[in-house]
Amino acid sequence: MWRAYLKVEPVGVDDDFFELGGHSLLAADLLVATERAVGVHVPATTLYLQPTIAELAEAIEQLRAEEVGT
């Protein structure tokens, strides 16, 4: 998904979204697509605080666990 939005290859799980050319508008679009794909609301600040695929995946798992717990 990141490759399509950033239009760069390769994209590794530890590559920083913003260092790859991502910006705030692209981040918003990516987060909407991510929410649709995973079925969990992902706050906008998440990508800024966890800017790699690996970190974002971990954050999504935590968000998913929190939703189940509530």
PDB file of N, CA and C in Angstrom:
ATOM      1  N   MET A   1       0.832  -1.186   0.000  1.00  0.00           N
ATOM      2  CA  MET A   1       0.000   0.000   0.000  1.00  0.00           C
ATOM      3  C   MET A   1       0.884   1.260   0.000  1.00  0.00           C
ATOM      4  N   TRP A   2       1.946   1.246   0.804  1.00  0.00           N
ATOM      5  CA  TRP A   2       2.813   2.425   0.874  1.00  0.00           C
ATOM      6  C   TRP A   2       3.453   2.718  -0.474  1.00  0.00           C
ATOM      7  N   ARG A   3       3.843   1.666  -1.197  1.00  0.00           N
ATOM      8  CA  ARG A   3       4.455   1.872  -2.518  1.00  0.00           C
ATOM      9  C   ARG A   3       3.516   2.631  -3.443  1.00  0.00           C
ATOM     10  N   ALA A   4       2.253   2.270  -3.413  1.00  0.00           N
ATOM     11  CA  ALA A   4       1.273   2.918  -4.282  1.00  0.00           C
ATOM     12  C   ALA A   4       1.094   4.392  -3.915  1.00  0.00           C
ATOM     13  N   TYR A   5       1.056   4.686  -2.635  1.00  0.00           N
ATOM     14  CA  TYR A   5       0.851   6.071  -2.205  1.00  0.00           C
ATOM     15  C   TYR A   5       2.106   6.920  -2.367  1.00  0.00           C
ATOM     16  N   LEU A   6       3.247   6.338  -2.051  1.00  0.00           N
ATOM     17  CA  LEU A   6       4.498   7.099  -2.111  1.00  0.00           C
ATOM     18  C   LEU A   6       5.147   7.080  -3.491  1.00  0.00           C
ATOM     19  N   LYS A   7       4.738   6.107  -4.303  1.00  0.00           N
ATOM     20  CA  LYS A   7       5.301   5.942  -5.649  1.00  0.00           C
ATOM     21  C   LYS A   7       6.820   5.769  -5.610  1.00  0.00           C
ATOM     22  N   VAL A   8       7.267   4.942  -4.664  1.00  0.00           N
ATOM     23  CA  VAL A   8       8.684   4.593  -4.554  1.00  0.00           C
ATOM     24  C   VAL A   8       8.804   3.089  -4.334  1.00  0.00           C
ATOM     25  N   GLU A   9       9.919   2.554  -4.755  1.00  0.00           N
ATOM     26  CA  GLU A   9      10.241   1.150  -4.505  1.00  0.00           C
ATOM     27  C   GLU A   9      11.722   1.048  -4.263  1.00  0.00           C
ATOM     28  N   PRO A  10      12.169   0.171  -3.460  1.00  0.00           N
ATOM     29  CA  PRO A  10      11.390  -0.662  -2.558  1.00  0.00           C
ATOM     30  C   PRO A  10      11.012   0.109  -1.297  1.00  0.00           C
ATOM     31  N   VAL A  11      10.048  -0.427  -0.578  1.00  0.00           N
ATOM     32  CA  VAL A  11       9.665   0.118   0.719  1.00  0.00           C
ATOM     33  C   VAL A  11       9.804  -1.015   1.724  1.00  0.00           C
ATOM     34  N   GLY A  12      10.674  -0.809   2.697  1.00  0.00           N
ATOM     35  CA  GLY A  12      10.879  -1.814   3.733  1.00  0.00           C
ATOM     36  C   GLY A  12      10.043  -1.506   4.964  1.00  0.00           C
ATOM     37  N   VAL A  13       9.873  -2.493   5.811  1.00  0.00           N
ATOM     38  CA  VAL A  13       9.029  -2.320   6.998  1.00  0.00           C
ATOM     39  C   VAL A  13       9.614  -1.328   7.996  1.00  0.00           C
ATOM     40  N   ASP A  14      10.903  -1.040   7.876  1.00  0.00           N
ATOM     41  CA  ASP A  14      11.533  -0.094   8.793  1.00  0.00           C
ATOM     42  C   ASP A  14      11.814   1.263   8.147  1.00  0.00           C
ATOM     43  N   ASP A  15      11.323   1.474   6.929  1.00  0.00           N
ATOM     44  CA  ASP A  15      11.499   2.763   6.261  1.00  0.00           C
ATOM     45  C   ASP A  15      10.502   3.776   6.813  1.00  0.00           C
ATOM     46  N   ASP A  16      10.968   4.994   7.002  1.00  0.00           N
ATOM     47  CA  ASP A  16      10.157   6.073   7.553  1.00  0.00           C
ATOM     48  C   ASP A  16       9.291   6.693   6.450  1.00  0.00           C
ATOM     49  N   PHE A  17       8.003   6.767   6.693  1.00  0.00           N
ATOM     50  CA  PHE A  17       7.042   7.316   5.734  1.00  0.00           C
ATOM     51  C   PHE A  17       7.462   8.705   5.251  1.00  0.00           C
ATOM     52  N   PHE A  18       7.866   9.548   6.162  1.00  0.00           N
ATOM     53  CA  PHE A  18       8.193  10.929   5.817  1.00  0.00           C
ATOM     54  C   PHE A  18       9.544  11.042   5.117  1.00  0.00           C
ATOM     55  N   GLU A  19      10.475  10.186   5.468  1.00  0.00           N
ATOM     56  CA  GLU A  19      11.769  10.176   4.784  1.00  0.00           C
ATOM     57  C   GLU A  19      11.640   9.651   3.353  1.00  0.00           C
ATOM     58  N   LEU A  20      10.593   8.886   3.092  1.00  0.00           N
ATOM     59  CA  LEU A  20      10.344   8.377   1.740  1.00  0.00           C
ATOM     60  C   LEU A  20       9.574   9.377   0.881  1.00  0.00           C
ATOM     61  N   GLY A  21       9.282  10.542   1.440  1.00  0.00           N
ATOM     62  CA  GLY A  21       8.587  11.571   0.675  1.00  0.00           C
ATOM     63  C   GLY A  21       7.151  11.799   1.085  1.00  0.00           C
ATOM     64  N   GLY A  22       6.700  11.108   2.117  1.00  0.00           N
ATOM     65  CA  GLY A  22       5.335  11.294   2.588  1.00  0.00           C
ATOM     66  C   GLY A  22       5.143  12.667   3.208  1.00  0.00           C
ATOM     67  N   HIS A  23       3.925  13.159   3.144  1.00  0.00           N
ATOM     68  CA  HIS A  23       3.581  14.453   3.734  1.00  0.00           C
ATOM     69  C   HIS A  23       2.187  14.350   4.345  1.00  0.00           C
ATOM     70  N   SER A  24       1.727  15.420   4.969  1.00  0.00           N
ATOM     71  CA  SER A  24       0.493  15.365   5.751  1.00  0.00           C
ATOM     72  C   SER A  24      -0.734  14.963   4.934  1.00  0.00           C
ATOM     73  N   LEU A  25      -0.879  15.462   3.729  1.00  0.00           N
ATOM     74  CA  LEU A  25      -2.053  15.103   2.920  1.00  0.00           C
ATOM     75  C   LEU A  25      -2.006  13.636   2.506  1.00  0.00           C
ATOM     76  N   LEU A  26      -0.826  13.179   2.156  1.00  0.00           N
ATOM     77  CA  LEU A  26      -0.654  11.777   1.792  1.00  0.00           C
ATOM     78  C   LEU A  26      -0.883  10.884   3.014  1.00  0.00           C
ATOM     79  N   ALA A  27      -0.441  11.345   4.169  1.00  0.00           N
ATOM     80  CA  ALA A  27      -0.642  10.590   5.407  1.00  0.00           C
ATOM     81  C   ALA A  27      -2.130  10.418   5.688  1.00  0.00           C
ATOM     82  N   ALA A  28      -2.900  11.472   5.501  1.00  0.00           N
ATOM     83  CA  ALA A  28      -4.344  11.393   5.736  1.00  0.00           C
ATOM     84  C   ALA A  28      -4.985  10.372   4.805  1.00  0.00           C
ATOM     85  N   ASP A  29      -4.624  10.404   3.533  1.00  0.00           N
ATOM     86  CA  ASP A  29      -5.166   9.439   2.569  1.00  0.00           C
ATOM     87  C   ASP A  29      -4.767   8.010   2.929  1.00  0.00           C
ATOM     88  N   LEU A  30      -3.513   7.837   3.298  1.00  0.00           N
ATOM     89  CA  LEU A  30      -3.021   6.512   3.656  1.00  0.00           C
ATOM     90  C   LEU A  30      -3.734   5.975   4.894  1.00  0.00           C
ATOM     91  N   LEU A  31      -3.967   6.834   5.870  1.00  0.00           N
ATOM     92  CA  LEU A  31      -4.640   6.382   7.087  1.00  0.00           C
ATOM     93  C   LEU A  31      -6.088   5.980   6.815  1.00  0.00           C
ATOM     94  N   VAL A  32      -6.767   6.692   5.940  1.00  0.00           N
ATOM     95  CA  VAL A  32      -8.137   6.312   5.574  1.00  0.00           C
ATOM     96  C   VAL A  32      -8.123   4.932   4.913  1.00  0.00           C
ATOM     97  N   ALA A  33      -7.195   4.722   3.998  1.00  0.00           N
ATOM     98  CA  ALA A  33      -7.089   3.422   3.328  1.00  0.00           C
ATOM     99  C   ALA A  33      -6.718   2.324   4.322  1.00  0.00           C
ATOM    100  N   THR A  34      -5.850   2.650   5.260  1.00  0.00           N
ATOM    101  CA  THR A  34      -5.445   1.682   6.279  1.00  0.00           C
ATOM    102  C   THR A  34      -6.629   1.306   7.156  1.00  0.00           C
ATOM    103  N   GLU A  35      -7.400   2.298   7.569  1.00  0.00           N
ATOM    104  CA  GLU A  35      -8.585   2.023   8.387  1.00  0.00           C
ATOM    105  C   GLU A  35      -9.549   1.101   7.657  1.00  0.00           C
ATOM    106  N   ARG A  36      -9.753   1.354   6.385  1.00  0.00           N
ATOM    107  CA  ARG A  36     -10.648   0.494   5.595  1.00  0.00           C
ATOM    108  C   ARG A  36     -10.103  -0.928   5.517  1.00  0.00           C
ATOM    109  N   ALA A  37      -8.799  -1.042   5.362  1.00  0.00           N
ATOM    110  CA  ALA A  37      -8.182  -2.360   5.205  1.00  0.00           C
ATOM    111  C   ALA A  37      -8.192  -3.172   6.495  1.00  0.00           C
ATOM    112  N   VAL A  38      -7.978  -2.508   7.633  1.00  0.00           N
ATOM    113  CA  VAL A  38      -7.851  -3.248   8.892  1.00  0.00           C
ATOM    114  C   VAL A  38      -9.095  -3.186   9.764  1.00  0.00           C
ATOM    115  N   GLY A  39     -10.024  -2.285   9.435  1.00  0.00           N
ATOM    116  CA  GLY A  39     -11.267  -2.200  10.192  1.00  0.00           C
ATOM    117  C   GLY A  39     -11.119  -1.606  11.579  1.00  0.00           C
ATOM    118  N   VAL A  40     -10.092  -0.795  11.770  1.00  0.00           N
ATOM    119  CA  VAL A  40      -9.838  -0.160  13.063  1.00  0.00           C
ATOM    120  C   VAL A  40      -9.584   1.323  12.824  1.00  0.00           C
ATOM    121  N   HIS A  41     -10.172   2.178  13.668  1.00  0.00           N
ATOM    122  CA  HIS A  41      -9.897   3.611  13.558  1.00  0.00           C
ATOM    123  C   HIS A  41      -8.449   3.865  13.964  1.00  0.00           C
ATOM    124  N   VAL A  42      -7.718   4.544  13.089  1.00  0.00           N
ATOM    125  CA  VAL A  42      -6.314   4.869  13.349  1.00  0.00           C
ATOM    126  C   VAL A  42      -6.211   6.390  13.446  1.00  0.00           C
ATOM    127  N   PRO A  43      -5.980   6.921  14.652  1.00  0.00           N
ATOM    128  CA  PRO A  43      -5.876   8.373  14.813  1.00  0.00           C
ATOM    129  C   PRO A  43      -4.769   8.964  13.934  1.00  0.00           C
ATOM    130  N   ALA A  44      -4.973  10.187  13.499  1.00  0.00           N
ATOM    131  CA  ALA A  44      -4.020  10.845  12.603  1.00  0.00           C
ATOM    132  C   ALA A  44      -2.619  10.919  13.195  1.00  0.00           C
ATOM    133  N   THR A  45      -2.523  11.077  14.484  1.00  0.00           N
ATOM    134  CA  THR A  45      -1.202  11.200  15.112  1.00  0.00           C
ATOM    135  C   THR A  45      -0.403   9.901  15.073  1.00  0.00           C
ATOM    136  N   THR A  46      -1.069   8.794  14.844  1.00  0.00           N
ATOM    137  CA  THR A  46      -0.398   7.497  14.879  1.00  0.00           C
ATOM    138  C   THR A  46       0.746   7.418  13.882  1.00  0.00           C
ATOM    139  N   LEU A  47       0.517   7.836  12.658  1.00  0.00           N
ATOM    140  CA  LEU A  47       1.563   7.745  11.641  1.00  0.00           C
ATOM    141  C   LEU A  47       2.725   8.690  11.944  1.00  0.00           C
ATOM    142  N   TYR A  48       2.441   9.802  12.589  1.00  0.00           N
ATOM    143  CA  TYR A  48       3.515  10.731  12.951  1.00  0.00           C
ATOM    144  C   TYR A  48       4.379  10.158  14.070  1.00  0.00           C
ATOM    145  N   LEU A  49       3.749   9.434  14.981  1.00  0.00           N
ATOM    146  CA  LEU A  49       4.478   8.857  16.111  1.00  0.00           C
ATOM    147  C   LEU A  49       5.094   7.501  15.779  1.00  0.00           C
ATOM    148  N   GLN A  50       4.483   6.777  14.855  1.00  0.00           N
ATOM    149  CA  GLN A  50       4.971   5.468  14.419  1.00  0.00           C
ATOM    150  C   GLN A  50       5.080   5.486  12.892  1.00  0.00           C
ATOM    151  N   PRO A  51       6.125   6.110  12.349  1.00  0.00           N
ATOM    152  CA  PRO A  51       6.193   6.359  10.908  1.00  0.00           C
ATOM    153  C   PRO A  51       6.720   5.214  10.037  1.00  0.00           C
ATOM    154  N   THR A  52       6.918   4.038  10.613  1.00  0.00           N
ATOM    155  CA  THR A  52       7.347   2.905   9.794  1.00  0.00           C
ATOM    156  C   THR A  52       6.217   1.881   9.730  1.00  0.00           C
ATOM    157  N   ILE A  53       6.274   1.013   8.747  1.00  0.00           N
ATOM    158  CA  ILE A  53       5.253  -0.026   8.620  1.00  0.00           C
ATOM    159  C   ILE A  53       5.249  -0.913   9.866  1.00  0.00           C
ATOM    160  N   ALA A  54       6.423  -1.275  10.338  1.00  0.00           N
ATOM    161  CA  ALA A  54       6.515  -2.139  11.518  1.00  0.00           C
ATOM    162  C   ALA A  54       5.896  -1.468  12.738  1.00  0.00           C
ATOM    163  N   GLU A  55       6.222  -0.201  12.946  1.00  0.00           N
ATOM    164  CA  GLU A  55       5.679   0.520  14.102  1.00  0.00           C
ATOM    165  C   GLU A  55       4.177   0.739  13.958  1.00  0.00           C
ATOM    166  N   LEU A  56       3.742   1.054  12.756  1.00  0.00           N
ATOM    167  CA  LEU A  56       2.313   1.271  12.520  1.00  0.00           C
ATOM    168  C   LEU A  56       1.531  -0.023  12.739  1.00  0.00           C
ATOM    169  N   ALA A  57       2.075  -1.135  12.282  1.00  0.00           N
ATOM    170  CA  ALA A  57       1.411  -2.429  12.482  1.00  0.00           C
ATOM    171  C   ALA A  57       1.267  -2.739  13.968  1.00  0.00           C
ATOM    172  N   GLU A  58       2.305  -2.452  14.726  1.00  0.00           N
ATOM    173  CA  GLU A  58       2.247  -2.669  16.173  1.00  0.00           C
ATOM    174  C   GLU A  58       1.189  -1.772  16.815  1.00  0.00           C
ATOM    175  N   ALA A  59       1.138  -0.521  16.383  1.00  0.00           N
ATOM    176  CA  ALA A  59       0.143   0.415  16.914  1.00  0.00           C
ATOM    177  C   ALA A  59      -1.270  -0.045  16.569  1.00  0.00           C
ATOM    178  N   ILE A  60      -1.453  -0.555  15.361  1.00  0.00           N
ATOM    179  CA  ILE A  60      -2.775  -1.037  14.947  1.00  0.00           C
ATOM    180  C   ILE A  60      -3.189  -2.237  15.793  1.00  0.00           C
ATOM    181  N   GLU A  61      -2.261  -3.130  16.064  1.00  0.00           N
ATOM    182  CA  GLU A  61      -2.576  -4.278  16.921  1.00  0.00           C
ATOM    183  C   GLU A  61      -2.998  -3.813  18.312  1.00  0.00           C
ATOM    184  N   GLN A  62      -2.325  -2.799  18.826  1.00  0.00           N
ATOM    185  CA  GLN A  62      -2.686  -2.260  20.138  1.00  0.00           C
ATOM    186  C   GLN A  62      -4.069  -1.605  20.087  1.00  0.00           C
ATOM    187  N   LEU A  63      -4.337  -0.848  19.028  1.00  0.00           N
ATOM    188  CA  LEU A  63      -5.657  -0.224  18.872  1.00  0.00           C
ATOM    189  C   LEU A  63      -6.748  -1.280  18.762  1.00  0.00           C
ATOM    190  N   ARG A  64      -6.456  -2.336  18.030  1.00  0.00           N
ATOM    191  CA  ARG A  64      -7.421  -3.429  17.879  1.00  0.00           C
ATOM    192  C   ARG A  64      -7.706  -4.076  19.236  1.00  0.00           C
ATOM    193  N   ALA A  65      -6.666  -4.296  20.016  1.00  0.00           N
ATOM    194  CA  ALA A  65      -6.832  -4.895  21.344  1.00  0.00           C
ATOM    195  C   ALA A  65      -7.639  -3.982  22.259  1.00  0.00           C
ATOM    196  N   GLU A  66      -7.408  -2.683  22.156  1.00  0.00           N
ATOM    197  CA  GLU A  66      -8.163  -1.723  22.969  1.00  0.00           C
ATOM    198  C   GLU A  66      -9.635  -1.715  22.586  1.00  0.00           C
ATOM    199  N   GLU A  67      -9.935  -1.828  21.294  1.00  0.00           N
ATOM    200  CA  GLU A  67     -11.330  -1.866  20.848  1.00  0.00           C
ATOM    201  C   GLU A  67     -12.030  -3.110  21.364  1.00  0.00           C
ATOM    202  N   VAL A  68     -11.337  -4.219  21.355  1.00  0.00           N
ATOM    203  CA  VAL A  68     -11.915  -5.471  21.841  1.00  0.00           C
ATOM    204  C   VAL A  68     -12.143  -5.391  23.343  1.00  0.00           C
ATOM    205  N   GLY A  69     -11.244  -4.715  24.046  1.00  0.00           N
ATOM    206  CA  GLY A  69     -11.335  -4.603  25.494  1.00  0.00           C
ATOM    207  C   GLY A  69     -12.404  -3.646  25.981  1.00  0.00           C
ATOM    208  N   THR A  70     -12.935  -2.808  25.090  1.00  0.00           N
ATOM    209  CA  THR A  70     -13.948  -1.835  25.528  1.00  0.00           C
ATOM    210  C   THR A  70     -15.341  -2.305  25.236  1.00  0.00           C
TER     211      THR A  70
END
